[in-house]
Amino acid sequence: MPLIEIKNLHARIEDDGKEILKGIDLTIEPGEVHAIMGPNGSGKSTLSYVLSGRDGYEITEGSVMFDGVDLLEMEPDERSRAGLFLAFQYPVEIPGVTNSTFLREAVNARRKGQGEKEVDALQFVKMMREKTKKLGMSDEMLKRAVNFGFSGGEKKRNEILQMAVLEPKFAILDETDSGLDIDALKIVSDGVNSLRDPSRSMLVITHYQRLLNYIVPDKVHVMADGKIQRTGGKELAEELEASGYADYQEDAA
């Protein structure tokens, strides 16, 4: 059974009624990593927002099944507890709340929602040390306020740490490479690759082929004008790097 099955998904902005998604069809099996590439305004980030349940968008047609359950009938917190995770393009700063506190609350909220016993402070510290070590991160990051005063690279690494701690079934990475230099890109990509698992699927949204040199996808999709226009392998990303999106924008028009 597919982990994610999207059929003919249409969505528009609630405020002005502008249609952004115009019939998305996408199926992702357990363990697969898919990449979506496309020009600005194609609907890539909107798709991530709709899947995560962000306010401001109206689903007008279509369906999304997540692990056999109707995702669109679930509230955002229910989606998270069911195993969906979104790494933001622009991670939010939360002054006054340490990473350690934030992550422990998030982990226990998910465990409680799944009927599992909450982790105590000692268990959590042990788990966090294991996670940071695996991702090549310092324990000092846990003592800092969530993303407050972080560099762009630190914010993205922190998103990957959250993903490692929450252990989602399905992770959406919305332009995780945005604003990263080559060293930070390698570090973040290594973190993502360390979390690849036969039971975990990922959807990587990006403008650029360079990220896919490090996170090699099973499939690459080209998105333009609110639809997936073409699907292929990693070679499709290399083709886009060489020729750009002009052909797809003309086809969509």
C-alpha atoms as a PDB file:
ATOM      1  CA  MET A   1       0.000   0.000   0.000  1.00  0.00           C
ATOM      2  CA  PRO A   2       1.388   3.462  -0.874  1.00  0.00           C
ATOM      3  CA  LEU A   3       2.356   5.640   2.070  1.00  0.00           C
ATOM      4  CA  ILE A   4       1.077   8.751   0.271  1.00  0.00           C
ATOM      5  CA  GLU A   5      -1.449   8.695  -2.572  1.00  0.00           C
ATOM      6  CA  ILE A   6      -2.554  12.048  -3.994  1.00  0.00           C
ATOM      7  CA  LYS A   7      -5.281  12.040  -6.641  1.00  0.00           C
ATOM      8  CA  ASN A   8      -6.421  15.036  -8.707  1.00  0.00           C
ATOM      9  CA  LEU A   9      -5.680  17.493  -5.908  1.00  0.00           C
ATOM     10  CA  HIS A  10      -6.934  21.036  -6.478  1.00  0.00           C
ATOM     11  CA  ALA A  11      -6.436  23.863  -3.977  1.00  0.00           C
ATOM     12  CA  ARG A  12      -6.869  27.622  -3.940  1.00  0.00           C
ATOM     13  CA  ILE A  13      -6.001  30.527  -1.661  1.00  0.00           C
ATOM     14  CA  GLU A  14      -8.957  31.297   0.584  1.00  0.00           C
ATOM     15  CA  ASP A  15      -8.480  35.077   0.594  1.00  0.00           C
ATOM     16  CA  ASP A  16      -8.557  35.731  -3.150  1.00  0.00           C
ATOM     17  CA  GLY A  17      -9.789  32.431  -4.597  1.00  0.00           C
ATOM     18  CA  LYS A  18      -6.704  32.009  -6.801  1.00  0.00           C
ATOM     19  CA  GLU A  19      -6.233  28.370  -7.794  1.00  0.00           C
ATOM     20  CA  ILE A  20      -2.674  27.168  -7.146  1.00  0.00           C
ATOM     21  CA  LEU A  21      -2.882  23.372  -7.357  1.00  0.00           C
ATOM     22  CA  LYS A  22      -4.658  22.267 -10.515  1.00  0.00           C
ATOM     23  CA  GLY A  23      -4.763  18.497 -10.403  1.00  0.00           C
ATOM     24  CA  ILE A  24      -1.809  16.904  -8.591  1.00  0.00           C
ATOM     25  CA  ASP A  25      -1.368  13.147  -8.930  1.00  0.00           C
ATOM     26  CA  LEU A  26       1.458  11.636  -6.895  1.00  0.00           C
ATOM     27  CA  THR A  27       2.068   8.236  -5.300  1.00  0.00           C
ATOM     28  CA  ILE A  28       4.963   7.552  -2.915  1.00  0.00           C
ATOM     29  CA  GLU A  29       5.694   4.073  -1.620  1.00  0.00           C
ATOM     30  CA  PRO A  30       7.222   3.332   1.810  1.00  0.00           C
ATOM     31  CA  GLY A  31      10.976   3.940   1.782  1.00  0.00           C
ATOM     32  CA  GLU A  32      10.961   6.070  -1.366  1.00  0.00           C
ATOM     33  CA  VAL A  33      12.453   9.539  -1.730  1.00  0.00           C
ATOM     34  CA  HIS A  34      10.824  11.727  -4.377  1.00  0.00           C
ATOM     35  CA  ALA A  35      11.944  15.179  -5.485  1.00  0.00           C
ATOM     36  CA  ILE A  36       9.763  17.938  -6.900  1.00  0.00           C
ATOM     37  CA  MET A  37      11.471  20.631  -8.948  1.00  0.00           C
ATOM     38  CA  GLY A  38       9.958  23.627 -10.678  1.00  0.00           C
ATOM     39  CA  PRO A  39      10.064  27.390 -11.169  1.00  0.00           C
ATOM     40  CA  ASN A  40       8.851  29.979  -8.673  1.00  0.00           C
ATOM     41  CA  GLY A  41       5.071  30.100  -8.479  1.00  0.00           C
ATOM     42  CA  SER A  42       4.565  26.549  -9.708  1.00  0.00           C
ATOM     43  CA  GLY A  43       2.820  25.419  -6.502  1.00  0.00           C
ATOM     44  CA  LYS A  44       5.594  23.407  -4.854  1.00  0.00           C
ATOM     45  CA  SER A  45       5.444  25.052  -1.438  1.00  0.00           C
ATOM     46  CA  THR A  46       1.648  25.250  -1.608  1.00  0.00           C
ATOM     47  CA  LEU A  47       1.585  21.470  -1.943  1.00  0.00           C
ATOM     48  CA  SER A  48       3.668  21.151   1.228  1.00  0.00           C
ATOM     49  CA  TYR A  49       1.367  23.568   3.074  1.00  0.00           C
ATOM     50  CA  VAL A  50      -1.776  21.734   1.969  1.00  0.00           C
ATOM     51  CA  LEU A  51      -0.361  18.357   3.020  1.00  0.00           C
ATOM     52  CA  SER A  52       0.646  19.686   6.433  1.00  0.00           C
ATOM     53  CA  GLY A  53      -2.725  21.398   6.984  1.00  0.00           C
ATOM     54  CA  ARG A  54      -1.684  25.051   6.988  1.00  0.00           C
ATOM     55  CA  ASP A  55      -4.509  27.583   7.233  1.00  0.00           C
ATOM     56  CA  GLY A  56      -5.376  29.789   4.265  1.00  0.00           C
ATOM     57  CA  TYR A  57      -5.919  27.132   1.602  1.00  0.00           C
ATOM     58  CA  GLU A  58      -9.135  25.517   0.432  1.00  0.00           C
ATOM     59  CA  ILE A  59      -9.216  22.040  -1.107  1.00  0.00           C
ATOM     60  CA  THR A  60     -11.712  22.178  -3.973  1.00  0.00           C
ATOM     61  CA  GLU A  61     -11.248  18.722  -5.464  1.00  0.00           C
ATOM     62  CA  GLY A  62      -9.261  15.509  -5.078  1.00  0.00           C
ATOM     63  CA  SER A  63      -8.042  13.283  -2.267  1.00  0.00           C
ATOM     64  CA  VAL A  64      -4.933  12.505  -0.210  1.00  0.00           C
ATOM     65  CA  MET A  65      -4.534   9.162   1.534  1.00  0.00           C
ATOM     66  CA  PHE A  66      -1.778   8.848   4.140  1.00  0.00           C
ATOM     67  CA  ASP A  67      -0.986   5.323   5.271  1.00  0.00           C
ATOM     68  CA  GLY A  68      -4.515   4.296   4.349  1.00  0.00           C
ATOM     69  CA  VAL A  69      -6.226   7.217   6.136  1.00  0.00           C
ATOM     70  CA  ASP A  70      -7.868  10.331   4.648  1.00  0.00           C
ATOM     71  CA  LEU A  71      -5.252  13.011   5.388  1.00  0.00           C
ATOM     72  CA  LEU A  72      -7.498  15.929   4.456  1.00  0.00           C
ATOM     73  CA  GLU A  73      -9.963  15.033   7.229  1.00  0.00           C
ATOM     74  CA  MET A  74      -7.244  15.391   9.879  1.00  0.00           C
ATOM     75  CA  GLU A  75      -6.275  18.519  11.824  1.00  0.00           C
ATOM     76  CA  PRO A  76      -2.613  19.652  11.554  1.00  0.00           C
ATOM     77  CA  ASP A  77      -1.722  18.258  15.002  1.00  0.00           C
ATOM     78  CA  GLU A  78      -3.374  14.946  14.094  1.00  0.00           C
ATOM     79  CA  ARG A  79      -1.293  14.778  10.919  1.00  0.00           C
ATOM     80  CA  SER A  80       1.859  15.322  12.935  1.00  0.00           C
ATOM     81  CA  ARG A  81       0.957  12.675  15.496  1.00  0.00           C
ATOM     82  CA  ALA A  82       0.181  10.260  12.637  1.00  0.00           C
ATOM     83  CA  GLY A  83       3.741  10.690  11.379  1.00  0.00           C
ATOM     84  CA  LEU A  84       3.856  13.621   8.950  1.00  0.00           C
ATOM     85  CA  PHE A  85       6.715  16.131   9.279  1.00  0.00           C
ATOM     86  CA  LEU A  86       7.399  19.392   7.428  1.00  0.00           C
ATOM     87  CA  ALA A  87      10.866  20.988   7.393  1.00  0.00           C
ATOM     88  CA  PHE A  88      10.251  24.659   6.653  1.00  0.00           C
ATOM     89  CA  GLN A  89      11.963  26.730   3.994  1.00  0.00           C
ATOM     90  CA  TYR A  90      12.149  29.541   6.572  1.00  0.00           C
ATOM     91  CA  PRO A  91      12.281  27.955  10.054  1.00  0.00           C
ATOM     92  CA  VAL A  92      10.551  29.967  12.778  1.00  0.00           C
ATOM     93  CA  GLU A  93      12.474  31.447  15.712  1.00  0.00           C
ATOM     94  CA  ILE A  94      11.051  30.832  19.206  1.00  0.00           C
ATOM     95  CA  PRO A  95      12.895  33.049  21.723  1.00  0.00           C
ATOM     96  CA  GLY A  96      12.862  31.826  25.315  1.00  0.00           C
ATOM     97  CA  VAL A  97      12.173  28.163  24.497  1.00  0.00           C
ATOM     98  CA  THR A  98      15.192  25.883  24.355  1.00  0.00           C
ATOM     99  CA  ASN A  99      15.562  23.211  21.728  1.00  0.00           C
ATOM    100  CA  SER A 100      15.657  20.574  24.442  1.00  0.00           C
ATOM    101  CA  THR A 101      12.345  21.694  25.960  1.00  0.00           C
ATOM    102  CA  PHE A 102      10.681  22.106  22.575  1.00  0.00           C
ATOM    103  CA  LEU A 103      11.750  18.686  21.349  1.00  0.00           C
ATOM    104  CA  ARG A 104      10.813  16.879  24.562  1.00  0.00           C
ATOM    105  CA  GLU A 105       7.319  18.420  24.477  1.00  0.00           C
ATOM    106  CA  ALA A 106       6.954  17.486  20.786  1.00  0.00           C
ATOM    107  CA  VAL A 107       8.105  13.910  21.352  1.00  0.00           C
ATOM    108  CA  ASN A 108       5.789  13.386  24.323  1.00  0.00           C
ATOM    109  CA  ALA A 109       2.825  14.945  22.508  1.00  0.00           C
ATOM    110  CA  ARG A 110       3.301  12.468  19.684  1.00  0.00           C
ATOM    111  CA  ARG A 111       3.823   9.514  22.026  1.00  0.00           C
ATOM    112  CA  LYS A 112       0.724  10.455  24.001  1.00  0.00           C
ATOM    113  CA  GLY A 113      -1.282  10.737  20.790  1.00  0.00           C
ATOM    114  CA  GLN A 114      -0.162   7.253  19.795  1.00  0.00           C
ATOM    115  CA  GLY A 115      -1.003   5.782  23.196  1.00  0.00           C
ATOM    116  CA  GLU A 116       2.638   5.346  24.232  1.00  0.00           C
ATOM    117  CA  LYS A 117       4.324   6.176  27.525  1.00  0.00           C
ATOM    118  CA  GLU A 118       6.005   9.594  27.712  1.00  0.00           C
ATOM    119  CA  VAL A 119       9.798   9.733  28.017  1.00  0.00           C
ATOM    120  CA  ASP A 120      11.225  11.088  31.264  1.00  0.00           C
ATOM    121  CA  ALA A 121      14.021  13.646  31.467  1.00  0.00           C
ATOM    122  CA  LEU A 122      16.849  11.108  31.743  1.00  0.00           C
ATOM    123  CA  GLN A 123      15.572   8.994  28.852  1.00  0.00           C
ATOM    124  CA  PHE A 124      15.215  12.099  26.740  1.00  0.00           C
ATOM    125  CA  VAL A 125      18.760  13.343  27.438  1.00  0.00           C
ATOM    126  CA  LYS A 126      20.163   9.941  26.487  1.00  0.00           C
ATOM    127  CA  MET A 127      18.109   9.861  23.293  1.00  0.00           C
ATOM    128  CA  MET A 128      19.128  13.393  22.323  1.00  0.00           C
ATOM    129  CA  ARG A 129      22.822  12.665  22.781  1.00  0.00           C
ATOM    130  CA  GLU A 130      22.484   9.667  20.490  1.00  0.00           C
ATOM    131  CA  LYS A 131      20.676  11.753  17.849  1.00  0.00           C
ATOM    132  CA  THR A 132      23.080  14.702  17.911  1.00  0.00           C
ATOM    133  CA  LYS A 133      26.069  12.360  17.740  1.00  0.00           C
ATOM    134  CA  LYS A 134      24.608  10.538  14.754  1.00  0.00           C
ATOM    135  CA  LEU A 135      23.984  13.849  12.980  1.00  0.00           C
ATOM    136  CA  GLY A 136      27.406  15.264  13.875  1.00  0.00           C
ATOM    137  CA  MET A 137      25.910  18.068  15.973  1.00  0.00           C
ATOM    138  CA  SER A 138      26.997  19.574  19.278  1.00  0.00           C
ATOM    139  CA  ASP A 139      24.933  19.137  22.445  1.00  0.00           C
ATOM    140  CA  GLU A 140      25.229  22.910  22.854  1.00  0.00           C
ATOM    141  CA  MET A 141      22.521  23.341  20.207  1.00  0.00           C
ATOM    142  CA  LEU A 142      20.026  21.776  22.624  1.00  0.00           C
ATOM    143  CA  LYS A 143      20.595  24.546  25.184  1.00  0.00           C
ATOM    144  CA  ARG A 144      19.881  27.365  22.731  1.00  0.00           C
ATOM    145  CA  ALA A 145      16.484  28.911  22.025  1.00  0.00           C
ATOM    146  CA  VAL A 146      14.763  27.347  19.003  1.00  0.00           C
ATOM    147  CA  ASN A 147      16.429  28.834  15.905  1.00  0.00           C
ATOM    148  CA  PHE A 148      17.024  32.151  17.746  1.00  0.00           C
ATOM    149  CA  GLY A 149      20.273  33.705  16.562  1.00  0.00           C
ATOM    150  CA  PHE A 150      20.997  30.655  14.404  1.00  0.00           C
ATOM    151  CA  SER A 151      22.723  30.957  11.044  1.00  0.00           C
ATOM    152  CA  GLY A 152      20.843  29.701   7.974  1.00  0.00           C
ATOM    153  CA  GLY A 153      22.795  26.466   8.062  1.00  0.00           C
ATOM    154  CA  GLU A 154      22.162  25.952  11.787  1.00  0.00           C
ATOM    155  CA  LYS A 155      18.425  26.458  11.303  1.00  0.00           C
ATOM    156  CA  LYS A 156      18.306  23.815   8.582  1.00  0.00           C
ATOM    157  CA  ARG A 157      20.395  21.394  10.645  1.00  0.00           C
ATOM    158  CA  ASN A 158      18.014  21.993  13.534  1.00  0.00           C
ATOM    159  CA  GLU A 159      15.094  21.019  11.292  1.00  0.00           C
ATOM    160  CA  ILE A 160      16.861  17.750  10.501  1.00  0.00           C
ATOM    161  CA  LEU A 161      17.469  17.181  14.218  1.00  0.00           C
ATOM    162  CA  GLN A 162      13.739  17.645  14.856  1.00  0.00           C
ATOM    163  CA  MET A 163      13.031  15.139  12.108  1.00  0.00           C
ATOM    164  CA  ALA A 164      15.479  12.646  13.645  1.00  0.00           C
ATOM    165  CA  VAL A 165      13.890  12.983  17.068  1.00  0.00           C
ATOM    166  CA  LEU A 166      10.268  12.763  15.883  1.00  0.00           C
ATOM    167  CA  GLU A 167      10.985   9.849  13.500  1.00  0.00           C
ATOM    168  CA  PRO A 168       8.141  10.595  11.050  1.00  0.00           C
ATOM    169  CA  LYS A 169       6.736   8.154   8.526  1.00  0.00           C
ATOM    170  CA  PHE A 170       6.614  10.874   5.870  1.00  0.00           C
ATOM    171  CA  ALA A 171       8.894  13.931   5.790  1.00  0.00           C
ATOM    172  CA  ILE A 172       8.458  16.922   3.489  1.00  0.00           C
ATOM    173  CA  LEU A 173      11.611  18.998   3.011  1.00  0.00           C
ATOM    174  CA  ASP A 174      10.576  22.370   1.587  1.00  0.00           C
ATOM    175  CA  GLU A 175      13.638  23.892  -0.098  1.00  0.00           C
ATOM    176  CA  THR A 176      15.960  22.708   2.657  1.00  0.00           C
ATOM    177  CA  ASP A 177      18.898  23.789   0.482  1.00  0.00           C
ATOM    178  CA  SER A 178      17.730  27.420   0.344  1.00  0.00           C
ATOM    179  CA  GLY A 179      20.449  29.783   1.583  1.00  0.00           C
ATOM    180  CA  LEU A 180      23.013  27.066   2.304  1.00  0.00           C
ATOM    181  CA  ASP A 181      26.649  27.202   1.246  1.00  0.00           C
ATOM    182  CA  ILE A 182      28.236  24.018  -0.059  1.00  0.00           C
ATOM    183  CA  ASP A 183      29.597  22.892   3.343  1.00  0.00           C
ATOM    184  CA  ALA A 184      26.254  23.383   5.101  1.00  0.00           C
ATOM    185  CA  LEU A 185      24.490  21.653   2.211  1.00  0.00           C
ATOM    186  CA  LYS A 186      26.686  18.576   2.643  1.00  0.00           C
ATOM    187  CA  ILE A 187      26.079  18.489   6.406  1.00  0.00           C
ATOM    188  CA  VAL A 188      22.309  18.783   6.033  1.00  0.00           C
ATOM    189  CA  SER A 189      22.252  16.199   3.242  1.00  0.00           C
ATOM    190  CA  ASP A 190      24.286  13.742   5.319  1.00  0.00           C
ATOM    191  CA  GLY A 191      21.731  14.187   8.102  1.00  0.00           C
ATOM    192  CA  VAL A 192      18.837  13.514   5.745  1.00  0.00           C
ATOM    193  CA  ASN A 193      20.535  10.459   4.267  1.00  0.00           C
ATOM    194  CA  SER A 194      21.189   9.053   7.736  1.00  0.00           C
ATOM    195  CA  LEU A 195      17.416   9.064   8.273  1.00  0.00           C
ATOM    196  CA  ARG A 196      16.525   7.143   5.126  1.00  0.00           C
ATOM    197  CA  ASP A 197      14.661   4.019   6.118  1.00  0.00           C
ATOM    198  CA  PRO A 198      12.565   1.318   4.376  1.00  0.00           C
ATOM    199  CA  SER A 199       9.516   2.476   6.329  1.00  0.00           C
ATOM    200  CA  ARG A 200      10.072   6.242   5.948  1.00  0.00           C
ATOM    201  CA  SER A 201       9.318   8.227   2.798  1.00  0.00           C
ATOM    202  CA  MET A 202      10.439  11.731   1.906  1.00  0.00           C
ATOM    203  CA  LEU A 203       9.351  14.451  -0.489  1.00  0.00           C
ATOM    204  CA  VAL A 204      12.194  16.857  -1.300  1.00  0.00           C
ATOM    205  CA  ILE A 205      11.159  20.201  -2.819  1.00  0.00           C
ATOM    206  CA  THR A 206      13.938  22.156  -4.510  1.00  0.00           C
ATOM    207  CA  HIS A 207      14.784  24.544  -7.327  1.00  0.00           C
ATOM    208  CA  TYR A 208      18.234  23.160  -7.935  1.00  0.00           C
ATOM    209  CA  GLN A 209      19.810  19.917  -9.004  1.00  0.00           C
ATOM    210  CA  ARG A 210      22.797  20.352  -6.668  1.00  0.00           C
ATOM    211  CA  LEU A 211      20.863  19.092  -3.627  1.00  0.00           C
ATOM    212  CA  LEU A 212      20.064  15.899  -5.510  1.00  0.00           C
ATOM    213  CA  ASN A 213      23.772  15.207  -5.924  1.00  0.00           C
ATOM    214  CA  TYR A 214      23.743  14.431  -2.211  1.00  0.00           C
ATOM    215  CA  ILE A 215      20.179  13.229  -1.592  1.00  0.00           C
ATOM    216  CA  VAL A 216      19.653  10.881  -4.528  1.00  0.00           C
ATOM    217  CA  PRO A 217      15.907  10.492  -5.198  1.00  0.00           C
ATOM    218  CA  ASP A 218      14.048   7.462  -6.507  1.00  0.00           C
ATOM    219  CA  LYS A 219      11.953   9.741  -8.727  1.00  0.00           C
ATOM    220  CA  VAL A 220      12.061  13.367  -9.874  1.00  0.00           C
ATOM    221  CA  HIS A 221       8.906  15.298 -10.776  1.00  0.00           C
ATOM    222  CA  VAL A 222       8.738  18.575 -12.676  1.00  0.00           C
ATOM    223  CA  MET A 223       5.972  20.864 -11.445  1.00  0.00           C
ATOM    224  CA  ALA A 224       4.671  23.886 -13.359  1.00  0.00           C
ATOM    225  CA  ASP A 225       1.371  25.757 -13.327  1.00  0.00           C
ATOM    226  CA  GLY A 226       0.033  23.707 -10.427  1.00  0.00           C
ATOM    227  CA  LYS A 227       0.534  20.302 -12.040  1.00  0.00           C
ATOM    228  CA  ILE A 228       3.209  17.639 -12.316  1.00  0.00           C
ATOM    229  CA  GLN A 229       4.249  17.939 -15.935  1.00  0.00           C
ATOM    230  CA  ARG A 230       6.841  15.173 -16.135  1.00  0.00           C
ATOM    231  CA  THR A 231       8.378  12.383 -14.032  1.00  0.00           C
ATOM    232  CA  GLY A 232      11.755  10.698 -14.399  1.00  0.00           C
ATOM    233  CA  GLY A 233      14.917   9.670 -12.588  1.00  0.00           C
ATOM    234  CA  LYS A 234      17.916  11.682 -11.390  1.00  0.00           C
ATOM    235  CA  GLU A 235      18.848  12.361 -15.018  1.00  0.00           C
ATOM    236  CA  LEU A 236      15.751  14.556 -15.293  1.00  0.00           C
ATOM    237  CA  ALA A 237      17.168  16.844 -12.590  1.00  0.00           C
ATOM    238  CA  GLU A 238      20.433  17.058 -14.528  1.00  0.00           C
ATOM    239  CA  GLU A 239      18.500  17.941 -17.673  1.00  0.00           C
ATOM    240  CA  LEU A 240      16.697  20.743 -15.841  1.00  0.00           C
ATOM    241  CA  GLU A 241      19.987  22.085 -14.535  1.00  0.00           C
ATOM    242  CA  ALA A 242      21.222  22.376 -18.100  1.00  0.00           C
ATOM    243  CA  SER A 243      18.093  23.642 -19.859  1.00  0.00           C
ATOM    244  CA  GLY A 244      15.974  25.306 -17.145  1.00  0.00           C
ATOM    245  CA  TYR A 245      12.169  25.369 -16.918  1.00  0.00           C
ATOM    246  CA  ALA A 246      11.281  27.419 -19.986  1.00  0.00           C
ATOM    247  CA  ASP A 247       9.840  24.467 -21.923  1.00  0.00           C
ATOM    248  CA  TYR A 248       7.553  23.476 -19.054  1.00  0.00           C
ATOM    249  CA  GLN A 249       6.357  27.014 -18.469  1.00  0.00           C
ATOM    250  CA  GLU A 250       5.504  27.326 -22.183  1.00  0.00           C
ATOM    251  CA  ASP A 251       3.680  23.970 -22.105  1.00  0.00           C
ATOM    252  CA  ALA A 252       1.741  25.028 -19.025  1.00  0.00           C
ATOM    253  CA  ALA A 253       0.764  28.326 -20.641  1.00  0.00           C
END
